[in-house]
PDB file of N, CA and C in Angstrom:
ATOM      1  N   MET A   1     318.992  69.087  44.836  1.00  0.00           N
ATOM      2  CA  MET A   1     318.248  70.216  44.323  1.00  0.00           C
ATOM      3  C   MET A   1     316.923  69.688  43.771  1.00  0.00           C
ATOM      4  N   PRO A   2     315.811  70.289  44.191  1.00  0.00           N
ATOM      5  CA  PRO A   2     314.514  69.838  43.689  1.00  0.00           C
ATOM      6  C   PRO A   2     314.401  70.056  42.176  1.00  0.00           C
ATOM      7  N   ALA A   3     313.642  69.236  41.526  1.00  0.00           N
ATOM      8  CA  ALA A   3     313.434  69.336  40.084  1.00  0.00           C
ATOM      9  C   ALA A   3     312.106  70.027  39.801  1.00  0.00           C
ATOM     10  N   LEU A   4     312.041  70.642  38.624  1.00  0.00           N
ATOM     11  CA  LEU A   4     310.825  71.325  38.182  1.00  0.00           C
ATOM     12  C   LEU A   4     310.586  70.911  36.742  1.00  0.00           C
ATOM     13  N   SER A   5     309.378  70.549  36.442  1.00  0.00           N
ATOM     14  CA  SER A   5     309.017  70.181  35.081  1.00  0.00           C
ATOM     15  C   SER A   5     307.952  71.160  34.626  1.00  0.00           C
ATOM     16  N   LEU A   6     308.121  71.700  33.408  1.00  0.00           N
ATOM     17  CA  LEU A   6     307.108  72.606  32.904  1.00  0.00           C
ATOM     18  C   LEU A   6     307.019  72.498  31.396  1.00  0.00           C
ATOM     19  N   ARG A   7     305.893  72.870  30.891  1.00  0.00           N
ATOM     20  CA  ARG A   7     305.672  72.863  29.443  1.00  0.00           C
ATOM     21  C   ARG A   7     305.794  74.299  28.945  1.00  0.00           C
ATOM     22  N   LEU A   8     306.489  74.450  27.833  1.00  0.00           N
ATOM     23  CA  LEU A   8     306.681  75.769  27.237  1.00  0.00           C
ATOM     24  C   LEU A   8     306.071  75.792  25.849  1.00  0.00           C
ATOM     25  N   PRO A   9     305.505  76.911  25.458  1.00  0.00           N
ATOM     26  CA  PRO A   9     305.076  77.038  24.063  1.00  0.00           C
ATOM     27  C   PRO A   9     306.313  76.893  23.160  1.00  0.00           C
ATOM     28  N   GLU A  10     306.100  76.435  21.963  1.00  0.00           N
ATOM     29  CA  GLU A  10     307.220  76.141  21.062  1.00  0.00           C
ATOM     30  C   GLU A  10     308.111  77.362  20.833  1.00  0.00           C
ATOM     31  N   ASP A  11     307.494  78.536  20.645  1.00  0.00           N
ATOM     32  CA  ASP A  11     308.313  79.727  20.395  1.00  0.00           C
ATOM     33  C   ASP A  11     309.192  80.070  21.598  1.00  0.00           C
ATOM     34  N   LEU A  12     308.662  79.928  22.804  1.00  0.00           N
ATOM     35  CA  LEU A  12     309.457  80.203  24.004  1.00  0.00           C
ATOM     36  C   LEU A  12     310.552  79.156  24.175  1.00  0.00           C
ATOM     37  N   ASP A  13     310.243  77.906  23.855  1.00  0.00           N
ATOM     38  CA  ASP A  13     311.238  76.841  23.909  1.00  0.00           C
ATOM     39  C   ASP A  13     312.382  77.140  22.937  1.00  0.00           C
ATOM     40  N   ASN A  14     312.042  77.606  21.745  1.00  0.00           N
ATOM     41  CA  ASN A  14     313.077  77.956  20.758  1.00  0.00           C
ATOM     42  C   ASN A  14     313.935  79.123  21.250  1.00  0.00           C
ATOM     43  N   ARG A  15     313.297  80.106  21.834  1.00  0.00           N
ATOM     44  CA  ARG A  15     314.048  81.256  22.366  1.00  0.00           C
ATOM     45  C   ARG A  15     314.969  80.819  23.496  1.00  0.00           C
ATOM     46  N   LEU A  16     314.501  79.912  24.335  1.00  0.00           N
ATOM     47  CA  LEU A  16     315.326  79.385  25.416  1.00  0.00           C
ATOM     48  C   LEU A  16     316.538  78.656  24.846  1.00  0.00           C
ATOM     49  N   ASP A  17     316.327  77.845  23.831  1.00  0.00           N
ATOM     50  CA  ASP A  17     317.442  77.161  23.164  1.00  0.00           C
ATOM     51  C   ASP A  17     318.453  78.155  22.609  1.00  0.00           C
ATOM     52  N   GLU A  18     317.953  79.169  21.913  1.00  0.00           N
ATOM     53  CA  GLU A  18     318.837  80.172  21.317  1.00  0.00           C
ATOM     54  C   GLU A  18     319.660  80.889  22.389  1.00  0.00           C
ATOM     55  N   GLU A  19     319.008  81.267  23.464  1.00  0.00           N
ATOM     56  CA  GLU A  19     319.712  81.974  24.546  1.00  0.00           C
ATOM     57  C   GLU A  19     320.759  81.077  25.192  1.00  0.00           C
ATOM     58  N   ALA A  20     320.408  79.841  25.440  1.00  0.00           N
ATOM     59  CA  ALA A  20     321.354  78.893  26.037  1.00  0.00           C
ATOM     60  C   ALA A  20     322.568  78.708  25.126  1.00  0.00           C
ATOM     61  N   ASN A  21     322.331  78.596  23.824  1.00  0.00           N
ATOM     62  CA  ASN A  21     323.444  78.457  22.876  1.00  0.00           C
ATOM     63  C   ASN A  21     324.314  79.704  22.852  1.00  0.00           C
ATOM     64  N   ARG A  22     323.676  80.869  22.832  1.00  0.00           N
ATOM     65  CA  ARG A  22     324.433  82.135  22.828  1.00  0.00           C
ATOM     66  C   ARG A  22     325.323  82.256  24.064  1.00  0.00           C
ATOM     67  N   GLU A  23     324.776  81.890  25.198  1.00  0.00           N
ATOM     68  CA  GLU A  23     325.490  82.034  26.466  1.00  0.00           C
ATOM     69  C   GLU A  23     326.417  80.860  26.759  1.00  0.00           C
ATOM     70  N   GLY A  24     326.240  79.776  26.020  1.00  0.00           N
ATOM     71  CA  GLY A  24     327.052  78.593  26.282  1.00  0.00           C
ATOM     72  C   GLY A  24     326.710  77.943  27.607  1.00  0.00           C
ATOM     73  N   LEU A  25     325.435  77.994  27.947  1.00  0.00           N
ATOM     74  CA  LEU A  25     324.954  77.436  29.214  1.00  0.00           C
ATOM     75  C   LEU A  25     323.887  76.393  28.941  1.00  0.00           C
ATOM     76  N   PRO A  26     323.681  75.490  29.886  1.00  0.00           N
ATOM     77  CA  PRO A  26     322.556  74.563  29.741  1.00  0.00           C
ATOM     78  C   PRO A  26     321.231  75.332  29.836  1.00  0.00           C
ATOM     79  N   ARG A  27     320.229  74.798  29.186  1.00  0.00           N
ATOM     80  CA  ARG A  27     318.896  75.416  29.232  1.00  0.00           C
ATOM     81  C   ARG A  27     318.422  75.589  30.663  1.00  0.00           C
ATOM     82  N   SER A  28     318.690  74.600  31.503  1.00  0.00           N
ATOM     83  CA  SER A  28     318.222  74.664  32.885  1.00  0.00           C
ATOM     84  C   SER A  28     318.867  75.837  33.627  1.00  0.00           C
ATOM     85  N   GLU A  29     320.135  76.148  33.316  1.00  0.00           N
ATOM     86  CA  GLU A  29     320.803  77.276  33.985  1.00  0.00           C
ATOM     87  C   GLU A  29     320.197  78.598  33.531  1.00  0.00           C
ATOM     88  N   VAL A  30     319.912  78.705  32.242  1.00  0.00           N
ATOM     89  CA  VAL A  30     319.265  79.925  31.736  1.00  0.00           C
ATOM     90  C   VAL A  30     317.900  80.090  32.402  1.00  0.00           C
ATOM     91  N   ALA A  31     317.158  79.011  32.530  1.00  0.00           N
ATOM     92  CA  ALA A  31     315.845  79.070  33.179  1.00  0.00           C
ATOM     93  C   ALA A  31     315.985  79.447  34.649  1.00  0.00           C
ATOM     94  N   ARG A  32     316.981  78.873  35.347  1.00  0.00           N
ATOM     95  CA  ARG A  32     317.195  79.226  36.765  1.00  0.00           C
ATOM     96  C   ARG A  32     317.493  80.717  36.912  1.00  0.00           C
ATOM     97  N   GLN A  33     318.383  81.220  36.046  1.00  0.00           N
ATOM     98  CA  GLN A  33     318.731  82.637  36.119  1.00  0.00           C
ATOM     99  C   GLN A  33     317.514  83.512  35.847  1.00  0.00           C
ATOM    100  N   ALA A  34     316.738  83.135  34.837  1.00  0.00           N
ATOM    101  CA  ALA A  34     315.548  83.922  34.493  1.00  0.00           C
ATOM    102  C   ALA A  34     314.543  83.933  35.637  1.00  0.00           C
ATOM    103  N   ILE A  35     314.322  82.781  36.241  1.00  0.00           N
ATOM    104  CA  ILE A  35     313.380  82.695  37.363  1.00  0.00           C
ATOM    105  C   ILE A  35     313.885  83.518  38.544  1.00  0.00           C
ATOM    106  N   SER A  36     315.180  83.413  38.825  1.00  0.00           N
ATOM    107  CA  SER A  36     315.760  84.175  39.932  1.00  0.00           C
ATOM    108  C   SER A  36     315.624  85.677  39.705  1.00  0.00           C
ATOM    109  N   GLU A  37     315.945  86.136  38.483  1.00  0.00           N
ATOM    110  CA  GLU A  37     315.827  87.562  38.169  1.00  0.00           C
ATOM    111  C   GLU A  37     314.375  88.027  38.255  1.00  0.00           C
ATOM    112  N   TYR A  38     313.456  87.200  37.778  1.00  0.00           N
ATOM    113  CA  TYR A  38     312.040  87.541  37.829  1.00  0.00           C
ATOM    114  C   TYR A  38     311.569  87.697  39.275  1.00  0.00           C
ATOM    115  N   ILE A  39     311.908  86.725  40.116  1.00  0.00           N
ATOM    116  CA  ILE A  39     311.468  86.772  41.515  1.00  0.00           C
ATOM    117  C   ILE A  39     312.084  87.971  42.226  1.00  0.00           C
ATOM    118  N   THR A  40     313.366  88.241  41.976  1.00  0.00           N
ATOM    119  CA  THR A  40     314.024  89.401  42.590  1.00  0.00           C
ATOM    120  C   THR A  40     313.335  90.699  42.168  1.00  0.00           C
ATOM    121  N   ARG A  41     313.021  90.813  40.863  1.00  0.00           N
ATOM    122  CA  ARG A  41     312.345  92.020  40.363  1.00  0.00           C
ATOM    123  C   ARG A  41     310.977  92.176  41.006  1.00  0.00           C
ATOM    124  N   ARG A  42     310.223  91.093  41.110  1.00  0.00           N
ATOM    125  CA  ARG A  42     308.888  91.161  41.715  1.00  0.00           C
ATOM    126  C   ARG A  42     308.968  91.546  43.193  1.00  0.00           C
ATOM    127  N   GLU A  43     309.968  91.012  43.907  1.00  0.00           N
ATOM    128  CA  GLU A  43     310.138  91.373  45.324  1.00  0.00           C
ATOM    129  C   GLU A  43     310.433  92.869  45.457  1.00  0.00           C
ATOM    130  N   LYS A  44     311.288  93.391  44.578  1.00  0.00           N
ATOM    131  CA  LYS A  44     311.599  94.829  44.610  1.00  0.00           C
ATOM    132  C   LYS A  44     310.353  95.654  44.298  1.00  0.00           C
ATOM    133  N   GLU A  45     309.575  95.209  43.311  1.00  0.00           N
ATOM    134  CA  GLU A  45     308.349  95.930  42.960  1.00  0.00           C
ATOM    135  C   GLU A  45     307.377  95.962  44.136  1.00  0.00           C
ATOM    136  N   ARG A  46     307.236  94.826  44.827  1.00  0.00           N
ATOM    137  CA  ARG A  46     306.342  94.796  45.998  1.00  0.00           C
ATOM    138  C   ARG A  46     306.855  95.714  47.101  1.00  0.00           C
ATOM    139  N   PHE A  47     308.167  95.677  47.335  1.00  0.00           N
ATOM    140  CA  PHE A  47     308.757  96.534  48.359  1.00  0.00           C
ATOM    141  C   PHE A  47     308.510  98.005  48.023  1.00  0.00           C
ATOM    142  N   MET A  48     308.747  98.378  46.761  1.00  0.00           N
ATOM    143  CA  MET A  48     308.542  99.776  46.369  1.00  0.00           C
ATOM    144  C   MET A  48     307.074 100.171  46.484  1.00  0.00           C
ATOM    145  N   ALA A  49     306.171  99.262  46.139  1.00  0.00           N
ATOM    146  CA  ALA A  49     304.738  99.555  46.271  1.00  0.00           C
ATOM    147  C   ALA A  49     304.375  99.788  47.735  1.00  0.00           C
ATOM    148  N   GLU A  50     304.927  98.975  48.630  1.00  0.00           N
ATOM    149  CA  GLU A  50     304.679  99.161  50.055  1.00  0.00           C
ATOM    150  C   GLU A  50     305.266 100.488  50.535  1.00  0.00           C
ATOM    151  N   LEU A  51     306.450 100.812  50.057  1.00  0.00           N
ATOM    152  CA  LEU A  51     307.097 102.069  50.436  1.00  0.00           C
ATOM    153  C   LEU A  51     306.265 103.263  49.974  1.00  0.00           C
ATOM    154  N   VAL A  52     305.791 103.211  48.750  1.00  0.00           N
ATOM    155  CA  VAL A  52     304.959 104.294  48.214  1.00  0.00           C
ATOM    156  C   VAL A  52     303.657 104.404  49.002  1.00  0.00           C
ATOM    157  N   ALA A  53     303.061 103.267  49.343  1.00  0.00           N
ATOM    158  CA  ALA A  53     301.815 103.289  50.117  1.00  0.00           C
ATOM    159  C   ALA A  53     302.037 103.924  51.483  1.00  0.00           C
ATOM    160  N   GLU A  54     303.140 103.572  52.144  1.00  0.00           N
ATOM    161  CA  GLU A  54     303.457 104.159  53.454  1.00  0.00           C
ATOM    162  C   GLU A  54     303.707 105.662  53.321  1.00  0.00           C
ATOM    163  N   ALA A  55     304.459 106.039  52.296  1.00  0.00           N
ATOM    164  CA  ALA A  55     304.752 107.466  52.096  1.00  0.00           C
ATOM    165  C   ALA A  55     303.467 108.232  51.798  1.00  0.00           C
ATOM    166  N   SER A  56     302.605 107.650  50.994  1.00  0.00           N
ATOM    167  CA  SER A  56     301.333 108.305  50.670  1.00  0.00           C
ATOM    168  C   SER A  56     300.472 108.465  51.914  1.00  0.00           C
ATOM    169  N   ALA A  57     300.445 107.428  52.737  1.00  0.00           N
ATOM    170  CA  ALA A  57     299.662 107.502  53.972  1.00  0.00           C
ATOM    171  C   ALA A  57     300.243 108.571  54.898  1.00  0.00           C
ATOM    172  N   GLY A  58     301.552 108.614  54.991  1.00  0.00           N
ATOM    173  CA  GLY A  58     302.187 109.631  55.826  1.00  0.00           C
ATOM    174  C   GLY A  58     301.948 111.027  55.301  1.00  0.00           C
ATOM    175  N   TYR A  59     302.022 111.191  53.980  1.00  0.00           N
ATOM    176  CA  TYR A  59     301.813 112.507  53.385  1.00  0.00           C
ATOM    177  C   TYR A  59     300.371 112.963  53.569  1.00  0.00           C
ATOM    178  N   ALA A  60     299.450 112.017  53.598  1.00  0.00           N
ATOM    179  CA  ALA A  60     298.041 112.372  53.788  1.00  0.00           C
ATOM    180  C   ALA A  60     297.765 112.842  55.215  1.00  0.00           C
ATOM    181  N   ASN A  61     298.618 112.465  56.160  1.00  0.00           N
ATOM    182  CA  ASN A  61     298.458 112.871  57.552  1.00  0.00           C
ATOM    183  C   ASN A  61     299.136 114.231  57.736  1.00  0.00           C
ATOM    184  N   GLU A  62     298.356 115.263  58.006  1.00  0.00           N
ATOM    185  CA  GLU A  62     298.886 116.624  58.073  1.00  0.00           C
ATOM    186  C   GLU A  62     299.960 116.783  59.146  1.00  0.00           C
ATOM    187  N   ALA A  63     299.797 116.143  60.284  1.00  0.00           N
ATOM    188  CA  ALA A  63     300.788 116.257  61.360  1.00  0.00           C
ATOM    189  C   ALA A  63     302.130 115.671  60.929  1.00  0.00           C
ATOM    190  N   ILE A  64     302.085 114.506  60.298  1.00  0.00           N
ATOM    191  CA  ILE A  64     303.325 113.875  59.818  1.00  0.00           C
ATOM    192  C   ILE A  64     303.958 114.730  58.726  1.00  0.00           C
ATOM    193  N   ARG A  65     303.130 115.230  57.810  1.00  0.00           N
ATOM    194  CA  ARG A  65     303.632 116.076  56.713  1.00  0.00           C
ATOM    195  C   ARG A  65     304.311 117.325  57.269  1.00  0.00           C
ATOM    196  N   ASN A  66     303.688 117.984  58.231  1.00  0.00           N
ATOM    197  CA  ASN A  66     304.279 119.198  58.814  1.00  0.00           C
ATOM    198  C   ASN A  66     305.575 118.896  59.549  1.00  0.00           C
ATOM    199  N   GLU A  67     305.607 117.768  60.260  1.00  0.00           N
ATOM    200  CA  GLU A  67     306.831 117.394  60.971  1.00  0.00           C
ATOM    201  C   GLU A  67     307.968 117.121  59.988  1.00  0.00           C
ATOM    202  N   SER A  68     307.655 116.448  58.891  1.00  0.00           N
ATOM    203  CA  SER A  68     308.708 116.158  57.917  1.00  0.00           C
ATOM    204  C   SER A  68     309.210 117.433  57.251  1.00  0.00           C
ATOM    205  N   ILE A  69     308.338 118.394  57.018  1.00  0.00           N
ATOM    206  CA  ILE A  69     308.759 119.680  56.446  1.00  0.00           C
ATOM    207  C   ILE A  69     309.667 120.408  57.430  1.00  0.00           C
ATOM    208  N   GLU A  70     309.316 120.394  58.703  1.00  0.00           N
ATOM    209  CA  GLU A  70     310.154 121.038  59.721  1.00  0.00           C
ATOM    210  C   GLU A  70     311.542 120.399  59.772  1.00  0.00           C
ATOM    211  N   ILE A  71     311.585 119.080  59.746  1.00  0.00           N
ATOM    212  CA  ILE A  71     312.873 118.377  59.781  1.00  0.00           C
ATOM    213  C   ILE A  71     313.700 118.729  58.544  1.00  0.00           C
ATOM    214  N   THR A  72     313.050 118.746  57.387  1.00  0.00           N
ATOM    215  CA  THR A  72     313.743 119.086  56.144  1.00  0.00           C
ATOM    216  C   THR A  72     314.317 120.486  56.204  1.00  0.00           C
ATOM    217  N   GLU A  73     313.524 121.426  56.664  1.00  0.00           N
ATOM    218  CA  GLU A  73     313.987 122.812  56.743  1.00  0.00           C
ATOM    219  C   GLU A  73     315.131 122.958  57.746  1.00  0.00           C
ATOM    220  N   GLU A  74     315.098 122.161  58.813  1.00  0.00           N
ATOM    221  CA  GLU A  74     316.154 122.203  59.818  1.00  0.00           C
ATOM    222  C   GLU A  74     317.491 121.718  59.240  1.00  0.00           C
ATOM    223  N   PHE A  75     317.455 120.717  58.363  1.00  0.00           N
ATOM    224  CA  PHE A  75     318.681 120.145  57.832  1.00  0.00           C
ATOM    225  C   PHE A  75     319.135 120.765  56.514  1.00  0.00           C
ATOM    226  N   LEU A  76     318.328 121.622  55.909  1.00  0.00           N
ATOM    227  CA  LEU A  76     318.687 122.211  54.624  1.00  0.00           C
ATOM    228  C   LEU A  76     320.029 122.948  54.663  1.00  0.00           C
ATOM    229  N   PRO A  77     320.320 123.762  55.671  1.00  0.00           N
ATOM    230  CA  PRO A  77     321.631 124.422  55.691  1.00  0.00           C
ATOM    231  C   PRO A  77     322.795 123.423  55.737  1.00  0.00           C
ATOM    232  N   LEU A  78     322.617 122.322  56.453  1.00  0.00           N
ATOM    233  CA  LEU A  78     323.670 121.311  56.519  1.00  0.00           C
ATOM    234  C   LEU A  78     323.853 120.627  55.176  1.00  0.00           C
ATOM    235  N   ASP A  79     322.751 120.345  54.479  1.00  0.00           N
ATOM    236  CA  ASP A  79     322.845 119.748  53.147  1.00  0.00           C
ATOM    237  C   ASP A  79     323.567 120.690  52.199  1.00  0.00           C
ATOM    238  N   ASN A  80     323.230 121.969  52.260  1.00  0.00           N
ATOM    239  CA  ASN A  80     323.873 122.939  51.383  1.00  0.00           C
ATOM    240  C   ASN A  80     325.364 123.051  51.693  1.00  0.00           C
ATOM    241  N   GLU A  81     325.716 123.025  52.965  1.00  0.00           N
ATOM    242  CA  GLU A  81     327.121 123.099  53.357  1.00  0.00           C
ATOM    243  C   GLU A  81     327.877 121.874  52.845  1.00  0.00           C
ATOM    244  N   ALA A  82     327.280 120.705  52.970  1.00  0.00           N
ATOM    245  CA  ALA A  82     327.915 119.476  52.482  1.00  0.00           C
ATOM    246  C   ALA A  82     328.090 119.538  50.970  1.00  0.00           C
ATOM    247  N   LEU A  83     327.108 120.072  50.259  1.00  0.00           N
ATOM    248  CA  LEU A  83     327.205 120.209  48.808  1.00  0.00           C
ATOM    249  C   LEU A  83     328.318 121.179  48.436  1.00  0.00           C
ATOM    250  N   ASP A  84     328.404 122.296  49.146  1.00  0.00           N
ATOM    251  CA  ASP A  84     329.489 123.252  48.893  1.00  0.00           C
ATOM    252  C   ASP A  84     330.849 122.580  49.038  1.00  0.00           C
ATOM    253  N   ILE A  85     331.030 121.828  50.110  1.00  0.00           N
ATOM    254  CA  ILE A  85     332.308 121.148  50.356  1.00  0.00           C
ATOM    255  C   ILE A  85     332.575 120.121  49.262  1.00  0.00           C
ATOM    256  N   ALA A  86     331.566 119.355  48.885  1.00  0.00           N
ATOM    257  CA  ALA A  86     331.741 118.332  47.850  1.00  0.00           C
ATOM    258  C   ALA A  86     332.102 118.954  46.508  1.00  0.00           C
ATOM    259  N   GLU A  87     331.632 120.169  46.253  1.00  0.00           N
ATOM    260  CA  GLU A  87     331.918 120.847  44.990  1.00  0.00           C
ATOM    261  C   GLU A  87     333.109 121.804  45.118  1.00  0.00           C
ATOM    262  N   SER A  88     333.914 121.621  46.180  1.00  0.00           N
ATOM    263  CA  SER A  88     335.142 122.398  46.407  1.00  0.00           C
ATOM    264  C   SER A  88     334.880 123.894  46.514  1.00  0.00           C
ATOM    265  N   ARG A  89     333.781 124.252  47.133  1.00  0.00           N
ATOM    266  CA  ARG A  89     333.473 125.660  47.408  1.00  0.00           C
ATOM    267  C   ARG A  89     333.500 125.870  48.897  1.00  0.00           C
ATOM    268  N   LYS A  90     333.830 127.061  49.280  1.00  0.00           N
ATOM    269  CA  LYS A  90     333.718 127.411  50.688  1.00  0.00           C
ATOM    270  C   LYS A  90     332.236 127.548  51.010  1.00  0.00           C
ATOM    271  N   PRO A  91     331.811 127.106  52.195  1.00  0.00           N
ATOM    272  CA  PRO A  91     330.389 127.239  52.543  1.00  0.00           C
ATOM    273  C   PRO A  91     329.907 128.676  52.383  1.00  0.00           C
ATOM    274  N   GLY A  92     328.792 128.807  51.672  1.00  0.00           N
ATOM    275  CA  GLY A  92     328.212 130.121  51.448  1.00  0.00           C
ATOM    276  C   GLY A  92     328.698 130.803  50.180  1.00  0.00           C
ATOM    277  N   GLU A  93     329.778 130.310  49.580  1.00  0.00           N
ATOM    278  CA  GLU A  93     330.283 130.878  48.330  1.00  0.00           C
ATOM    279  C   GLU A  93     329.235 130.644  47.239  1.00  0.00           C
ATOM    280  N   PRO A  94     329.008 131.608  46.350  1.00  0.00           N
ATOM    281  CA  PRO A  94     327.950 131.440  45.346  1.00  0.00           C
ATOM    282  C   PRO A  94     328.234 130.276  44.398  1.00  0.00           C
ATOM    283  N   ARG A  95     327.167 129.652  43.964  1.00  0.00           N
ATOM    284  CA  ARG A  95     327.270 128.558  42.998  1.00  0.00           C
ATOM    285  C   ARG A  95     327.417 129.160  41.595  1.00  0.00           C
ATOM    286  N   PRO A  96     327.976 128.406  40.646  1.00  0.00           N
ATOM    287  CA  PRO A  96     328.145 128.940  39.293  1.00  0.00           C
ATOM    288  C   PRO A  96     326.849 129.476  38.689  1.00  0.00           C
ATOM    289  N   GLU A  97     325.735 128.766  38.902  1.00  0.00           N
ATOM    290  CA  GLU A  97     324.476 129.233  38.319  1.00  0.00           C
ATOM    291  C   GLU A  97     323.998 130.542  38.937  1.00  0.00           C
ATOM    292  N   GLU A  98     324.453 130.827  40.151  1.00  0.00           N
ATOM    293  CA  GLU A  98     324.077 132.086  40.802  1.00  0.00           C
ATOM    294  C   GLU A  98     324.905 133.260  40.271  1.00  0.00           C
ATOM    295  N   THR A  99     326.064 132.959  39.722  1.00  0.00           N
ATOM    296  CA  THR A  99     326.936 134.014  39.187  1.00  0.00           C
ATOM    297  C   THR A  99     326.800 134.137  37.676  1.00  0.00           C
ATOM    298  N   GLY A 100     325.989 133.270  37.060  1.00  0.00           N
ATOM    299  CA  GLY A 100     325.807 133.311  35.615  1.00  0.00           C
ATOM    300  C   GLY A 100     326.814 132.443  34.868  1.00  0.00           C
ATOM    301  N   GLU A 101     327.723 131.784  35.588  1.00  0.00           N
ATOM    302  CA  GLU A 101     328.688 130.897  34.938  1.00  0.00           C
ATOM    303  C   GLU A 101     328.009 129.602  34.535  1.00  0.00           C
ATOM    304  N   ARG A 102     328.609 128.951  33.554  1.00  0.00           N
ATOM    305  CA  ARG A 102     328.094 127.644  33.135  1.00  0.00           C
ATOM    306  C   ARG A 102     328.870 126.573  33.873  1.00  0.00           C
ATOM    307  N   TRP A 103     328.173 125.633  34.466  1.00  0.00           N
ATOM    308  CA  TRP A 103     328.819 124.585  35.245  1.00  0.00           C
ATOM    309  C   TRP A 103     329.570 123.599  34.369  1.00  0.00           C
ATOM    310  N   TRP A 104     329.250 123.544  33.076  1.00  0.00           N
ATOM    311  CA  TRP A 104     329.872 122.534  32.210  1.00  0.00           C
ATOM    312  C   TRP A 104     331.157 123.010  31.559  1.00  0.00           C
ATOM    313  N   LYS A 105     331.602 124.225  31.877  1.00  0.00           N
ATOM    314  CA  LYS A 105     332.854 124.721  31.284  1.00  0.00           C
ATOM    315  C   LYS A 105     334.031 123.933  31.783  1.00  0.00           C
TER     316      LYS A 105
END
């Protein structure tokens, strides 16, 4: 396993010591976990930023936006039917909020 050497400010070094003691782990393991979590979080953030950029570009294109609305409208009855079944209702049966009932009873 490759080695890494780094300098830490004293306060961060103390916090690392405290965390390692609390967890009963070596300092190097706490640092490995922290680095791994940081890199994973940054990768997710980049992925989400790319996803948002693609969605924004698609939404800005009127043809793509209209096509997605058509697809959504086409599948809406199926989504509603699946929701009815999941909530133990017969398809088309009114929902509690439509009858004035409270769903939390």
